[in-house]
């Protein structure tokens, strides 16, 4: 299926061993399962795990310096960022412990030469994390394209950002923006609810 064809009812529910828990005509992507199941197995707080392969995310994941502290958005990511080295298409069970160890208790994981991963207590939290992560990568690539030296954010500011994020969202995390996003999506197309 194309991403724009997927609805709630086309999602496939599986157990921790990748066994389908209900009838579905759709297959399960082994590489996607390996990554997501590794995170869920290691993180009880992971109500949702998102993983993307966007142009900007993969572009920054291929840069030796990774995420640079050059924007407000990057400071949010850097407050809880980990990296995982590329090991090829992620379908081998033996990669799981390394992925879990690299992620640790962080909410943002840059999969080198591969893409982005976020963890959240809720779908809203994971989505907000991914939105910020993707924006960080887009901003970084845009800033680098200017071909001039970049101004980095003071490291002391980066260290205080975790607290600032809680203040910014009133402690609500992704729930701060989620209702507005759902209303916007419904104005565009309610077919996602099918």
C-alpha atoms as a PDB file:
ATOM      1  CA  UNK A   1       0.000   0.000   0.000  1.00  0.00           C
ATOM      2  CA  UNK A   2       1.025   3.575  -0.514  1.00  0.00           C
ATOM      3  CA  UNK A   3       1.245   5.600   2.700  1.00  0.00           C
ATOM      4  CA  UNK A   4      -1.695   7.758   1.632  1.00  0.00           C
ATOM      5  CA  UNK A   5      -3.850   4.613   1.261  1.00  0.00           C
ATOM      6  CA  UNK A   6      -3.327   3.404   4.815  1.00  0.00           C
ATOM      7  CA  UNK A   7      -6.169   3.807   7.287  1.00  0.00           C
ATOM      8  CA  UNK A   8      -6.600   2.692  10.882  1.00  0.00           C
ATOM      9  CA  UNK A   9      -8.309  -0.513   9.756  1.00  0.00           C
ATOM     10  CA  UNK A  10      -5.448  -1.483   7.439  1.00  0.00           C
ATOM     11  CA  UNK A  11      -2.906  -1.570  10.243  1.00  0.00           C
ATOM     12  CA  UNK A  12      -1.751  -5.049  11.260  1.00  0.00           C
ATOM     13  CA  UNK A  13      -1.612  -5.903  14.955  1.00  0.00           C
ATOM     14  CA  UNK A  14       1.155  -8.350  15.886  1.00  0.00           C
ATOM     15  CA  UNK A  15       2.567  -9.813  19.081  1.00  0.00           C
ATOM     16  CA  UNK A  16       6.174  -9.558  20.290  1.00  0.00           C
ATOM     17  CA  UNK A  17       7.118 -12.484  17.996  1.00  0.00           C
ATOM     18  CA  UNK A  18       5.592 -10.912  14.856  1.00  0.00           C
ATOM     19  CA  UNK A  19       2.580 -13.246  14.827  1.00  0.00           C
ATOM     20  CA  UNK A  20      -0.563 -11.580  13.495  1.00  0.00           C
ATOM     21  CA  UNK A  21      -3.192 -11.223  16.197  1.00  0.00           C
ATOM     22  CA  UNK A  22      -6.094 -10.888  13.767  1.00  0.00           C
ATOM     23  CA  UNK A  23      -6.943 -11.702  10.169  1.00  0.00           C
ATOM     24  CA  UNK A  24      -5.373  -9.287   7.730  1.00  0.00           C
ATOM     25  CA  UNK A  25      -4.608  -9.532   4.023  1.00  0.00           C
ATOM     26  CA  UNK A  26      -1.547  -7.347   4.591  1.00  0.00           C
ATOM     27  CA  UNK A  27       1.977  -8.616   5.220  1.00  0.00           C
ATOM     28  CA  UNK A  28       4.261  -7.435   8.031  1.00  0.00           C
ATOM     29  CA  UNK A  29       7.546  -5.771   7.097  1.00  0.00           C
ATOM     30  CA  UNK A  30      10.271  -7.772   8.942  1.00  0.00           C
ATOM     31  CA  UNK A  31      12.700  -4.839   9.092  1.00  0.00           C
ATOM     32  CA  UNK A  32      10.045  -2.534  10.500  1.00  0.00           C
ATOM     33  CA  UNK A  33       9.065  -5.168  13.027  1.00  0.00           C
ATOM     34  CA  UNK A  34      12.646  -5.737  14.197  1.00  0.00           C
ATOM     35  CA  UNK A  35      13.238  -2.085  15.012  1.00  0.00           C
ATOM     36  CA  UNK A  36       9.872  -1.403  16.647  1.00  0.00           C
ATOM     37  CA  UNK A  37       9.749  -4.641  18.636  1.00  0.00           C
ATOM     38  CA  UNK A  38      13.272  -4.030  19.957  1.00  0.00           C
ATOM     39  CA  UNK A  39      12.222  -0.660  21.349  1.00  0.00           C
ATOM     40  CA  UNK A  40       8.939  -1.921  22.801  1.00  0.00           C
ATOM     41  CA  UNK A  41      10.729  -4.849  24.475  1.00  0.00           C
ATOM     42  CA  UNK A  42      13.242  -2.545  26.167  1.00  0.00           C
ATOM     43  CA  UNK A  43      11.049   0.446  26.988  1.00  0.00           C
ATOM     44  CA  UNK A  44       7.889  -0.102  29.020  1.00  0.00           C
ATOM     45  CA  UNK A  45       7.156   3.608  28.651  1.00  0.00           C
ATOM     46  CA  UNK A  46       7.058   3.314  24.838  1.00  0.00           C
ATOM     47  CA  UNK A  47       3.372   3.573  24.011  1.00  0.00           C
ATOM     48  CA  UNK A  48       4.342   4.558  20.464  1.00  0.00           C
ATOM     49  CA  UNK A  49       7.475   4.257  18.339  1.00  0.00           C
ATOM     50  CA  UNK A  50       7.736   6.144  15.037  1.00  0.00           C
ATOM     51  CA  UNK A  51      10.406   5.559  12.396  1.00  0.00           C
ATOM     52  CA  UNK A  52      10.869   7.485   9.143  1.00  0.00           C
ATOM     53  CA  UNK A  53      13.175   7.566   6.114  1.00  0.00           C
ATOM     54  CA  UNK A  54      12.658  11.165   4.999  1.00  0.00           C
ATOM     55  CA  UNK A  55      15.132  12.905   2.725  1.00  0.00           C
ATOM     56  CA  UNK A  56      16.130  15.405   5.418  1.00  0.00           C
ATOM     57  CA  UNK A  57      16.347  12.777   8.174  1.00  0.00           C
ATOM     58  CA  UNK A  58      18.527  10.429   6.139  1.00  0.00           C
ATOM     59  CA  UNK A  59      20.589  13.389   4.935  1.00  0.00           C
ATOM     60  CA  UNK A  60      21.495  14.477   8.459  1.00  0.00           C
ATOM     61  CA  UNK A  61      21.924  10.864   9.602  1.00  0.00           C
ATOM     62  CA  UNK A  62      24.702  10.555   7.004  1.00  0.00           C
ATOM     63  CA  UNK A  63      26.587  13.575   8.376  1.00  0.00           C
ATOM     64  CA  UNK A  64      29.434  12.773  10.761  1.00  0.00           C
ATOM     65  CA  UNK A  65      28.400  15.559  13.124  1.00  0.00           C
ATOM     66  CA  UNK A  66      24.789  14.399  13.278  1.00  0.00           C
ATOM     67  CA  UNK A  67      22.373  16.933  14.722  1.00  0.00           C
ATOM     68  CA  UNK A  68      24.072  20.289  15.190  1.00  0.00           C
ATOM     69  CA  UNK A  69      22.997  22.757  17.913  1.00  0.00           C
ATOM     70  CA  UNK A  70      22.005  25.491  15.457  1.00  0.00           C
ATOM     71  CA  UNK A  71      18.271  25.995  16.020  1.00  0.00           C
ATOM     72  CA  UNK A  72      15.737  26.064  18.823  1.00  0.00           C
ATOM     73  CA  UNK A  73      14.288  22.837  17.401  1.00  0.00           C
ATOM     74  CA  UNK A  74      17.686  21.124  17.548  1.00  0.00           C
ATOM     75  CA  UNK A  75      18.002  21.944  21.240  1.00  0.00           C
ATOM     76  CA  UNK A  76      14.814  19.962  21.961  1.00  0.00           C
ATOM     77  CA  UNK A  77      16.221  16.975  20.075  1.00  0.00           C
ATOM     78  CA  UNK A  78      19.699  17.224  21.593  1.00  0.00           C
ATOM     79  CA  UNK A  79      18.196  17.107  25.097  1.00  0.00           C
ATOM     80  CA  UNK A  80      17.290  13.424  24.512  1.00  0.00           C
ATOM     81  CA  UNK A  81      19.232  12.186  21.455  1.00  0.00           C
ATOM     82  CA  UNK A  82      21.066   8.916  20.832  1.00  0.00           C
ATOM     83  CA  UNK A  83      22.721   7.423  17.737  1.00  0.00           C
ATOM     84  CA  UNK A  84      22.773   3.890  16.312  1.00  0.00           C
ATOM     85  CA  UNK A  85      25.336   2.813  13.701  1.00  0.00           C
ATOM     86  CA  UNK A  86      24.077   1.429  10.402  1.00  0.00           C
ATOM     87  CA  UNK A  87      24.201  -2.383  10.262  1.00  0.00           C
ATOM     88  CA  UNK A  88      22.372  -2.929   6.987  1.00  0.00           C
ATOM     89  CA  UNK A  89      18.654  -3.583   6.543  1.00  0.00           C
ATOM     90  CA  UNK A  90      17.400  -4.091  10.101  1.00  0.00           C
ATOM     91  CA  UNK A  91      15.885  -7.570  10.064  1.00  0.00           C
ATOM     92  CA  UNK A  92      18.436  -9.530  12.130  1.00  0.00           C
ATOM     93  CA  UNK A  93      17.563 -10.389  15.730  1.00  0.00           C
ATOM     94  CA  UNK A  94      21.179  -9.902  16.838  1.00  0.00           C
ATOM     95  CA  UNK A  95      20.934  -6.143  16.141  1.00  0.00           C
ATOM     96  CA  UNK A  96      18.181  -5.659  18.731  1.00  0.00           C
ATOM     97  CA  UNK A  97      20.412  -5.544  21.852  1.00  0.00           C
ATOM     98  CA  UNK A  98      22.712  -2.948  20.259  1.00  0.00           C
ATOM     99  CA  UNK A  99      19.766  -0.832  19.157  1.00  0.00           C
ATOM    100  CA  UNK A 100      18.260  -1.052  22.657  1.00  0.00           C
ATOM    101  CA  UNK A 101      21.573  -0.156  24.326  1.00  0.00           C
ATOM    102  CA  UNK A 102      22.103   2.798  21.988  1.00  0.00           C
ATOM    103  CA  UNK A 103      18.591   4.155  22.571  1.00  0.00           C
ATOM    104  CA  UNK A 104      18.709   3.722  26.345  1.00  0.00           C
ATOM    105  CA  UNK A 105      16.257   6.134  27.953  1.00  0.00           C
ATOM    106  CA  UNK A 106      16.365   8.689  25.103  1.00  0.00           C
ATOM    107  CA  UNK A 107      13.322   9.708  23.050  1.00  0.00           C
ATOM    108  CA  UNK A 108      15.130  10.568  19.792  1.00  0.00           C
ATOM    109  CA  UNK A 109      17.293   8.032  17.947  1.00  0.00           C
ATOM    110  CA  UNK A 110      19.201   8.842  14.798  1.00  0.00           C
ATOM    111  CA  UNK A 111      19.766   5.647  12.845  1.00  0.00           C
ATOM    112  CA  UNK A 112      22.978   6.460  10.975  1.00  0.00           C
ATOM    113  CA  UNK A 113      22.640   6.393   7.166  1.00  0.00           C
ATOM    114  CA  UNK A 114      19.049   5.240   7.650  1.00  0.00           C
ATOM    115  CA  UNK A 115      16.592   7.645   9.261  1.00  0.00           C
ATOM    116  CA  UNK A 116      14.901   8.880  12.398  1.00  0.00           C
ATOM    117  CA  UNK A 117      13.133   7.161  15.291  1.00  0.00           C
ATOM    118  CA  UNK A 118      11.147   8.661  18.153  1.00  0.00           C
ATOM    119  CA  UNK A 119       9.616   7.193  21.285  1.00  0.00           C
ATOM    120  CA  UNK A 120       6.662   8.564  23.194  1.00  0.00           C
ATOM    121  CA  UNK A 121       4.416   7.589  26.052  1.00  0.00           C
ATOM    122  CA  UNK A 122       1.509   8.288  23.676  1.00  0.00           C
ATOM    123  CA  UNK A 123       1.025   8.602  19.916  1.00  0.00           C
ATOM    124  CA  UNK A 124       0.792  12.360  20.401  1.00  0.00           C
ATOM    125  CA  UNK A 125       4.139  12.460  22.232  1.00  0.00           C
ATOM    126  CA  UNK A 126       5.922  10.333  19.622  1.00  0.00           C
ATOM    127  CA  UNK A 127       4.403  12.413  16.816  1.00  0.00           C
ATOM    128  CA  UNK A 128       5.438  15.730  18.373  1.00  0.00           C
ATOM    129  CA  UNK A 129       8.942  14.350  18.877  1.00  0.00           C
ATOM    130  CA  UNK A 130       9.101  13.259  15.227  1.00  0.00           C
ATOM    131  CA  UNK A 131       7.761  16.586  13.983  1.00  0.00           C
ATOM    132  CA  UNK A 132      10.480  18.411  15.922  1.00  0.00           C
ATOM    133  CA  UNK A 133      13.163  15.902  14.804  1.00  0.00           C
ATOM    134  CA  UNK A 134      12.211  16.225  11.140  1.00  0.00           C
ATOM    135  CA  UNK A 135      12.058  20.038  11.405  1.00  0.00           C
ATOM    136  CA  UNK A 136      15.507  20.009  13.010  1.00  0.00           C
ATOM    137  CA  UNK A 137      16.933  18.079  10.051  1.00  0.00           C
ATOM    138  CA  UNK A 138      15.227  20.293   7.466  1.00  0.00           C
ATOM    139  CA  UNK A 139      16.498  23.448   9.187  1.00  0.00           C
ATOM    140  CA  UNK A 140      20.020  22.043   9.442  1.00  0.00           C
ATOM    141  CA  UNK A 141      20.203  21.158   5.749  1.00  0.00           C
ATOM    142  CA  UNK A 142      18.785  24.566   4.798  1.00  0.00           C
ATOM    143  CA  UNK A 143      21.307  26.360   7.019  1.00  0.00           C
ATOM    144  CA  UNK A 144      24.207  24.312   5.652  1.00  0.00           C
ATOM    145  CA  UNK A 145      23.171  25.053   2.076  1.00  0.00           C
ATOM    146  CA  UNK A 146      24.065  28.720   2.638  1.00  0.00           C
ATOM    147  CA  UNK A 147      27.737  27.750   2.559  1.00  0.00           C
ATOM    148  CA  UNK A 148      28.729  30.019   5.447  1.00  0.00           C
ATOM    149  CA  UNK A 149      29.799  29.225   9.034  1.00  0.00           C
ATOM    150  CA  UNK A 150      26.876  28.418  11.351  1.00  0.00           C
ATOM    151  CA  UNK A 151      26.201  29.914  14.759  1.00  0.00           C
ATOM    152  CA  UNK A 152      25.818  27.234  17.411  1.00  0.00           C
ATOM    153  CA  UNK A 153      23.569  27.485  20.458  1.00  0.00           C
ATOM    154  CA  UNK A 154      25.400  27.801  23.775  1.00  0.00           C
ATOM    155  CA  UNK A 155      25.794  24.295  25.341  1.00  0.00           C
ATOM    156  CA  UNK A 156      24.379  25.555  28.668  1.00  0.00           C
ATOM    157  CA  UNK A 157      21.133  26.422  26.901  1.00  0.00           C
ATOM    158  CA  UNK A 158      20.954  22.915  25.418  1.00  0.00           C
ATOM    159  CA  UNK A 159      21.396  21.419  28.901  1.00  0.00           C
ATOM    160  CA  UNK A 160      18.374  23.323  30.236  1.00  0.00           C
ATOM    161  CA  UNK A 161      16.059  22.500  27.377  1.00  0.00           C
ATOM    162  CA  UNK A 162      14.356  19.417  28.856  1.00  0.00           C
ATOM    163  CA  UNK A 163      12.826  21.627  31.536  1.00  0.00           C
ATOM    164  CA  UNK A 164      11.958  24.309  28.983  1.00  0.00           C
ATOM    165  CA  UNK A 165      10.028  21.755  26.889  1.00  0.00           C
ATOM    166  CA  UNK A 166       7.854  20.848  29.883  1.00  0.00           C
ATOM    167  CA  UNK A 167       7.154  24.511  30.548  1.00  0.00           C
ATOM    168  CA  UNK A 168       6.404  25.171  26.854  1.00  0.00           C
ATOM    169  CA  UNK A 169       3.756  22.440  26.683  1.00  0.00           C
ATOM    170  CA  UNK A 170       2.423  22.966  30.194  1.00  0.00           C
ATOM    171  CA  UNK A 171       3.576  19.437  31.009  1.00  0.00           C
ATOM    172  CA  UNK A 172       1.156  18.059  28.407  1.00  0.00           C
ATOM    173  CA  UNK A 173       3.785  16.819  25.933  1.00  0.00           C
ATOM    174  CA  UNK A 174       2.223  15.912  22.588  1.00  0.00           C
ATOM    175  CA  UNK A 175      -1.287  16.388  23.949  1.00  0.00           C
ATOM    176  CA  UNK A 176      -0.540  20.123  23.786  1.00  0.00           C
ATOM    177  CA  UNK A 177      -0.875  20.041  19.968  1.00  0.00           C
ATOM    178  CA  UNK A 178      -2.642  16.730  19.210  1.00  0.00           C
ATOM    179  CA  UNK A 179      -6.310  17.886  19.278  1.00  0.00           C
ATOM    180  CA  UNK A 180      -5.555  20.734  16.860  1.00  0.00           C
ATOM    181  CA  UNK A 181      -3.722  18.361  14.513  1.00  0.00           C
ATOM    182  CA  UNK A 182      -6.649  15.915  14.482  1.00  0.00           C
ATOM    183  CA  UNK A 183      -9.064  18.769  13.704  1.00  0.00           C
ATOM    184  CA  UNK A 184      -6.808  19.893  10.850  1.00  0.00           C
ATOM    185  CA  UNK A 185      -6.607  16.353   9.480  1.00  0.00           C
ATOM    186  CA  UNK A 186     -10.397  15.981   9.658  1.00  0.00           C
ATOM    187  CA  UNK A 187     -10.827  19.226   7.689  1.00  0.00           C
ATOM    188  CA  UNK A 188      -8.584  17.770   4.986  1.00  0.00           C
ATOM    189  CA  UNK A 189      -9.955  14.213   4.883  1.00  0.00           C
ATOM    190  CA  UNK A 190     -11.779  12.050   7.421  1.00  0.00           C
ATOM    191  CA  UNK A 191     -10.935   8.891   5.484  1.00  0.00           C
ATOM    192  CA  UNK A 192      -8.049   8.105   7.835  1.00  0.00           C
ATOM    193  CA  UNK A 193     -10.595   7.115  10.455  1.00  0.00           C
ATOM    194  CA  UNK A 194     -11.887   4.172   8.364  1.00  0.00           C
END
